[in-house]
Protein backbone atom coordinates (compact mmCIF):
# COMPACT_ATOMS: atom_id res chain seq x y z
CA MET A 1 105.87 69.98 99.32
CA ILE A 2 102.61 71.75 100.08
CA ASP A 3 99.60 72.32 97.85
CA VAL A 4 98.44 75.92 97.58
CA ALA A 5 95.55 77.81 96.02
CA VAL A 6 95.34 81.45 94.97
CA VAL A 7 91.89 83.01 95.24
CA GLY A 8 91.58 86.13 93.09
CA ALA A 9 94.58 85.23 90.96
CA ALA A 10 93.77 87.47 87.99
CA GLY A 11 94.68 90.83 89.55
CA TYR A 12 98.11 92.48 89.65
CA THR A 13 98.87 90.99 93.06
CA GLY A 14 97.65 87.53 92.06
CA ARG A 15 99.68 87.59 88.88
CA GLU A 16 102.87 88.49 90.74
CA LEU A 17 102.15 85.85 93.36
CA LEU A 18 101.76 83.19 90.66
CA LYS A 19 105.18 84.07 89.25
CA ILE A 20 106.77 83.54 92.65
CA LEU A 21 104.87 80.33 93.47
CA PHE A 22 105.77 78.71 90.15
CA LYS A 23 109.47 79.01 90.96
CA HIS A 24 109.14 77.89 94.59
CA PRO A 25 110.67 74.40 94.91
CA ASP A 26 108.44 73.34 97.82
CA VAL A 27 105.08 74.53 96.51
CA ASN A 28 102.59 72.80 94.23
CA LEU A 29 100.08 75.28 92.82
CA THR A 30 96.84 73.32 92.56
CA CYS A 31 94.04 75.86 92.18
CA ILE A 32 93.53 79.41 90.90
CA THR A 33 90.27 81.35 90.97
CA SER A 34 88.68 84.38 89.38
CA ASN A 35 84.98 85.08 89.08
CA THR A 36 85.71 87.29 86.06
CA TYR A 37 87.76 84.68 84.20
CA SER A 38 86.12 81.48 85.46
CA ASN A 39 86.73 78.57 83.03
CA TYR A 40 89.50 80.42 81.19
CA GLY A 41 92.91 78.78 80.99
CA LEU A 42 95.74 80.47 82.87
CA ALA A 43 97.68 81.16 79.66
CA GLU A 44 94.58 82.66 78.03
CA VAL A 45 94.56 85.38 80.67
CA PHE A 46 98.33 85.61 81.22
CA PRO A 47 100.19 84.36 78.12
CA GLU A 48 103.55 84.51 79.93
CA PHE A 49 102.51 81.34 81.77
CA ALA A 50 102.12 79.34 78.53
CA ASN A 51 104.79 76.83 79.57
CA LYS A 52 103.60 76.47 83.15
CA LYS A 53 101.08 74.10 84.67
CA PRO A 54 97.88 74.31 82.55
CA LEU A 55 95.56 75.46 85.32
CA ILE A 56 92.00 76.64 84.73
CA PHE A 57 90.52 79.60 86.60
CA GLU A 58 87.67 78.48 88.84
CA SER A 59 84.98 80.49 90.61
CA HIS A 60 85.33 81.43 94.30
CA ASN A 61 83.90 78.29 95.91
CA PRO A 62 85.63 77.84 99.29
CA GLU A 63 84.56 74.24 99.82
CA ALA A 64 85.78 73.14 96.39
CA ILE A 65 89.03 75.09 96.75
CA ALA A 66 89.72 73.61 100.21
CA GLU A 67 89.69 70.09 98.75
CA LYS A 68 92.70 70.97 96.60
CA CYS A 69 95.10 72.72 98.95
CA ASP A 70 96.88 72.86 102.30
CA ALA A 71 97.17 76.65 102.29
CA VAL A 72 95.31 79.40 100.48
CA PHE A 73 96.26 82.92 99.44
CA LEU A 74 93.35 85.38 99.30
CA CYS A 75 94.03 88.17 96.78
CA LEU A 76 90.58 89.69 97.06
CA PRO A 77 89.41 93.30 97.44
CA HIS A 78 89.04 94.64 100.96
CA LYS A 79 85.75 93.52 102.60
CA GLU A 80 85.51 90.25 100.65
CA SER A 81 87.95 87.93 102.43
CA MET A 82 86.10 87.99 105.75
CA SER A 83 83.11 86.24 104.20
CA ILE A 84 85.03 83.09 103.21
CA VAL A 85 87.89 82.70 105.70
CA GLN A 86 85.86 80.60 108.14
CA SER A 87 85.20 77.99 105.45
CA PHE A 88 88.90 77.42 104.96
CA LEU A 89 89.64 77.31 108.68
CA LYS A 90 86.90 74.74 109.28
CA ASN A 91 88.61 72.57 106.68
CA GLY A 92 91.98 72.90 108.45
CA LYS A 93 93.62 75.23 105.92
CA THR A 94 96.13 77.99 106.61
CA VAL A 95 95.02 81.34 105.21
CA PHE A 96 97.29 84.10 103.95
CA ASP A 97 95.00 87.09 103.40
CA LEU A 98 96.35 89.93 101.26
CA SER A 99 93.38 92.21 101.88
CA ALA A 100 92.98 94.49 104.90
CA ASP A 101 90.22 92.39 106.46
CA PHE A 102 92.31 90.91 109.29
CA ARG A 103 95.02 93.51 109.81
CA LEU A 104 93.15 95.63 112.35
CA LYS A 105 92.52 94.21 115.83
CA ASP A 106 89.54 96.39 116.77
CA PRO A 107 86.32 95.68 114.79
CA ASP A 108 85.02 99.17 115.55
CA ILE A 109 88.09 100.73 113.97
CA TYR A 110 87.63 98.48 110.94
CA THR A 111 84.02 99.64 110.62
CA GLU A 112 85.03 103.29 111.01
CA TRP A 113 87.61 103.17 108.22
CA TYR A 114 86.10 100.59 105.85
CA LYS A 115 82.44 101.57 106.36
CA VAL A 116 81.14 98.01 106.85
CA GLU A 117 80.64 95.79 109.86
CA HIS A 118 83.25 93.06 110.22
CA ILE A 119 81.42 89.73 109.96
CA ALA A 120 84.33 87.61 111.26
CA ALA A 121 85.38 89.85 114.14
CA GLU A 122 86.11 86.87 116.39
CA LEU A 123 89.17 86.15 114.22
CA LEU A 124 90.74 89.60 114.48
CA GLY A 125 92.53 88.82 117.71
CA LYS A 126 93.79 85.49 116.36
CA ALA A 127 95.16 86.69 113.03
CA VAL A 128 98.90 87.39 112.97
CA TYR A 129 100.17 90.50 111.22
CA GLY A 130 102.35 89.17 108.42
CA LEU A 131 105.46 91.31 108.75
CA THR A 132 108.10 88.64 109.28
CA GLU A 133 110.73 91.11 110.44
CA LEU A 134 108.55 91.83 113.50
CA TYR A 135 106.41 88.72 113.99
CA ARG A 136 108.48 85.80 112.75
CA GLY A 137 107.80 83.73 115.89
CA GLU A 138 104.03 84.25 115.81
CA ILE A 139 103.76 83.48 112.10
CA LYS A 140 105.25 80.00 112.67
CA ASN A 141 102.03 78.85 114.36
CA ALA A 142 99.43 81.08 112.68
CA LYS A 143 96.24 79.85 111.04
CA VAL A 144 95.38 83.28 109.59
CA VAL A 145 98.19 85.58 108.46
CA ALA A 146 97.14 89.14 107.60
CA ILE A 147 99.61 90.28 104.96
CA PRO A 148 100.42 94.00 105.41
CA GLY A 149 99.66 96.58 102.78
CA CYS A 150 102.43 98.05 100.64
CA TYR A 151 102.34 101.52 102.21
CA PRO A 152 102.32 100.15 105.79
CA THR A 153 105.23 97.81 105.02
CA SER A 154 107.42 100.65 103.83
CA ILE A 155 106.43 102.94 106.71
CA ILE A 156 106.42 100.47 109.61
CA LEU A 157 109.79 98.99 108.70
CA GLY A 158 111.16 102.50 108.22
CA LEU A 159 110.20 103.54 111.75
CA ALA A 160 110.44 100.26 113.69
CA PRO A 161 114.07 100.58 114.83
CA VAL A 162 113.52 103.99 116.46
CA ILE A 163 109.82 104.26 117.32
CA SER A 164 110.42 103.06 120.89
CA GLN A 165 112.93 105.88 121.48
CA LYS A 166 111.89 109.17 123.05
CA TRP A 167 114.03 111.30 120.80
CA PHE A 168 111.02 112.71 118.97
CA ASP A 169 107.31 113.41 119.29
CA ARG A 170 105.53 110.19 118.31
CA THR A 171 102.26 112.03 117.76
CA SER A 172 103.45 114.40 115.01
CA ILE A 173 105.19 112.21 112.45
CA VAL A 174 104.78 113.25 108.80
CA VAL A 175 104.92 110.56 106.11
CA ASN A 176 105.03 111.32 102.40
CA THR A 177 104.87 108.19 100.24
CA VAL A 178 104.75 107.82 96.47
CA SER A 179 103.44 104.74 94.68
CA GLY A 180 103.36 103.39 91.18
CA SER A 181 99.92 103.00 89.60
CA SER A 182 99.76 99.23 90.14
CA GLY A 183 99.34 99.92 93.87
CA LEU A 184 95.73 100.86 93.14
CA GLY A 185 94.96 97.46 91.64
CA ARG A 186 93.63 96.39 88.27
CA LYS A 187 90.79 98.89 88.21
CA PRO A 188 88.92 99.99 85.09
CA ASP A 189 89.41 103.64 86.07
CA SER A 190 91.16 105.88 83.57
CA ARG A 191 92.43 108.19 86.33
CA TYR A 192 94.87 105.47 87.38
CA SER A 193 96.13 104.49 83.92
CA LEU A 194 99.69 105.38 83.02
CA SER A 195 98.47 107.43 80.07
CA GLU A 196 96.60 109.71 82.50
CA LEU A 197 99.41 109.75 85.04
CA ASP A 198 102.18 110.39 82.51
CA GLY A 199 103.66 113.79 83.24
CA ASN A 200 101.42 114.12 86.29
CA PHE A 201 101.91 113.78 90.05
CA TYR A 202 99.48 114.30 92.89
CA ALA A 203 98.53 113.44 96.45
CA TYR A 204 95.37 111.50 97.21
CA GLY A 205 93.51 110.03 100.15
CA ALA A 206 95.05 112.34 102.75
CA PRO A 207 94.63 112.90 105.62
CA LEU A 208 92.34 109.88 106.14
CA HIS A 209 93.78 107.16 103.95
CA ARG A 210 92.41 103.84 105.22
CA HIS A 211 95.87 102.34 105.81
CA THR A 212 96.50 104.96 108.51
CA PRO A 213 95.03 102.98 111.46
CA GLU A 214 96.95 99.85 110.41
CA ILE A 215 100.22 101.77 110.50
CA GLU A 216 99.44 103.48 113.81
CA GLN A 217 98.32 100.20 115.38
CA GLU A 218 101.54 98.37 114.56
CA LEU A 219 103.85 101.23 115.47
CA SER A 220 102.04 101.76 118.77
CA LYS A 221 102.70 98.11 119.68
CA LEU A 222 106.42 98.84 119.46
CA THR A 223 106.33 101.72 121.96
CA ASP A 224 105.96 101.77 125.73
CA SER A 225 102.17 101.90 125.38
CA GLU A 226 102.16 105.36 123.80
CA ASP A 227 99.79 105.83 120.87
CA VAL A 228 101.56 106.81 117.67
CA LYS A 229 99.89 109.39 115.46
CA LEU A 230 101.06 110.30 112.00
CA LEU A 231 100.02 112.39 109.05
CA PHE A 232 100.09 110.02 106.08
CA ILE A 233 100.08 111.60 102.62
CA PRO A 234 100.18 109.11 99.72
CA HIS A 235 100.98 110.25 96.18
CA LEU A 236 100.65 108.67 92.74
CA LEU A 237 103.78 108.51 90.63
CA PRO A 238 103.67 107.99 86.84
CA VAL A 239 105.42 104.60 86.93
CA ALA A 240 103.94 101.10 87.00
CA ARG A 241 105.37 99.87 90.31
CA GLY A 242 107.40 100.82 93.34
CA ILE A 243 106.92 102.58 96.69
CA TYR A 244 109.14 105.35 98.07
CA THR A 245 108.56 106.70 101.56
CA THR A 246 110.01 109.77 103.26
CA ILE A 247 109.33 110.16 106.99
CA THR A 248 110.19 113.30 108.96
CA THR A 249 109.80 114.35 112.57
CA LYS A 250 111.48 116.81 114.94
CA LEU A 251 114.17 115.44 117.23
CA HIS A 252 114.32 116.15 120.98
CA LYS A 253 118.02 115.31 121.18
CA LYS A 254 121.09 115.41 118.99
CA ILE A 255 121.98 112.19 117.22
CA ASP A 256 124.18 111.90 114.17
CA SER A 257 123.46 109.95 111.01
CA GLU A 258 126.26 107.48 111.59
CA GLU A 259 124.78 106.50 114.96
CA LEU A 260 121.33 106.15 113.40
CA THR A 261 122.65 103.88 110.68
CA GLY A 262 124.26 101.71 113.33
CA ILE A 263 120.95 101.40 115.20
CA TYR A 264 119.18 100.32 112.01
CA LYS A 265 121.82 97.78 111.05
CA SER A 266 121.71 96.26 114.52
CA TYR A 267 117.88 96.09 114.54
CA PHE A 268 117.69 94.36 111.17
CA HIS A 269 120.81 92.20 111.52
CA ASP A 270 118.86 88.96 110.96
CA SER A 271 116.45 90.29 108.32
CA LYS A 272 117.48 88.77 105.00
CA PHE A 273 115.47 91.16 102.85
CA ILE A 274 116.42 94.48 104.43
CA THR A 275 119.40 96.57 103.40
CA VAL A 276 120.30 99.61 105.50
CA CYS A 277 121.92 102.29 103.35
CA ASN A 278 124.48 104.91 104.33
CA GLY A 279 122.83 107.33 101.90
CA PHE A 280 119.36 107.70 100.44
CA PRO A 281 118.05 104.57 98.66
CA GLU A 282 116.62 104.65 95.14
CA MET A 283 113.30 103.10 94.18
CA GLN A 284 114.73 101.31 91.14
CA TRP A 285 116.90 99.21 93.47
CA ALA A 286 113.81 97.57 94.98
CA VAL A 287 111.61 97.14 91.90
CA GLY A 288 111.38 93.50 90.87
CA THR A 289 112.66 92.22 94.24
CA ASN A 290 111.45 91.38 97.74
CA GLN A 291 114.08 93.76 99.17
CA VAL A 292 113.58 96.76 101.42
CA PHE A 293 116.14 99.56 101.28
CA ILE A 294 116.18 101.97 104.23
CA GLY A 295 118.19 105.08 105.02
CA ALA A 296 118.10 107.05 108.30
CA HIS A 297 119.57 110.51 108.68
CA SER A 298 119.69 113.41 111.10
CA ASP A 299 119.70 117.02 109.92
CA PRO A 300 121.51 118.98 112.66
CA ARG A 301 120.59 122.35 111.16
CA THR A 302 116.82 121.86 111.61
CA GLY A 303 116.90 119.10 114.24
CA THR A 304 114.94 116.76 111.97
CA LEU A 305 114.95 112.98 111.70
CA ILE A 306 114.70 111.88 108.06
CA ILE A 307 113.93 108.25 107.18
CA THR A 308 113.58 106.94 103.64
CA SER A 309 112.52 103.46 102.55
CA THR A 310 111.62 101.84 99.28
CA ILE A 311 110.01 98.54 98.20
CA ASP A 312 108.28 96.94 95.24
CA ASN A 313 104.58 97.27 96.06
CA LEU A 314 103.65 94.03 94.25
CA ILE A 315 106.40 91.90 95.80
CA LYS A 316 107.50 92.94 99.29
CA GLY A 317 104.28 94.96 99.46
CA ALA A 318 102.07 91.99 98.52
CA GLY A 319 102.89 88.64 96.88
CA GLY A 320 106.52 88.35 97.94
CA GLN A 321 105.67 89.21 101.52
CA ALA A 322 102.95 86.56 101.49
CA VAL A 323 105.40 83.90 100.28
CA GLN A 324 107.93 85.04 102.87
CA CYS A 325 105.25 84.38 105.50
CA LEU A 326 104.46 80.99 103.96
CA ASN A 327 108.14 80.07 104.17
CA VAL A 328 108.26 80.97 107.86
CA ARG A 329 104.94 79.23 108.59
CA TYR A 330 106.00 75.93 107.00
CA GLY A 331 109.64 75.95 108.09
CA PHE A 332 111.18 76.59 104.68
CA GLU A 333 114.21 78.77 104.16
CA GLU A 334 112.79 82.31 104.32
CA THR A 335 114.25 83.26 100.92
CA LYS A 336 112.84 80.30 98.97
CA GLY A 337 111.13 81.36 95.76
CA LEU A 338 112.13 84.97 96.40
CA ILE A 339 115.74 85.25 95.24
């Protein structure tokens, strides 16, 4: 049994993480924080937890939090985690950071895309990217685990089995991804409310969405030192949750869909949360789960590789992925608390 704290527990990601942690048999949730709801009871903010442990939201005080936990989940906005991580590490805690602050390895790239200087740059090379399907071995000994974003999770896992192949141009990949409104966080912005999105659909953030360098960094690691470049176009869908990704690129050789499916099934043979489909997956299959559904197809008429993947942005794209990493880090069964 390990004691854990959730910093920033009052957002969509924090709320989903709490649901998972409460049902994890090897976790004792000892501390939750929120500067907005400091001193409020958990059930006052989230009534669905009325029969759970009667925790009180505290303010973000790293030293006080560290006294109550073995591991800490940081569910803070980008740019905020880097200011408090060192406090937890000095107190011997394992950090699972759900922001983007430790995903990028190059501090200059972080500054370019997030418009601030990284104040804990010395940790960037030490943090492990928290995609268990790719870095299970490294996560086992990590002190800082950088939990991937929801878009990158869907895209990186979609391309990982084939990105090392030379069947296609790895510098002209096109990615169209749609997300439910919860992917934008619990923001007081009417543009992202379901009432504004209802009956609407649009792209945003392209071509310079800030998750782009994270995706390119991780995919490039999987190649023979060739830099991957992609055009990433995110869209907002008028639903609360879910991510659906469609990836296309021109093939240099003929390969049929059956062979592609075989490659994907072989690559993910030991990945408990990935299902490779013979057809195109549907987003509703993934919503409410930590599952990833992936389909890979070849269109012989146009010579195009088509990859589709879908996840729940709040679970496999955030809280569930973080708990999956915790399970690996502490030697628990990888599915604990998640199925």
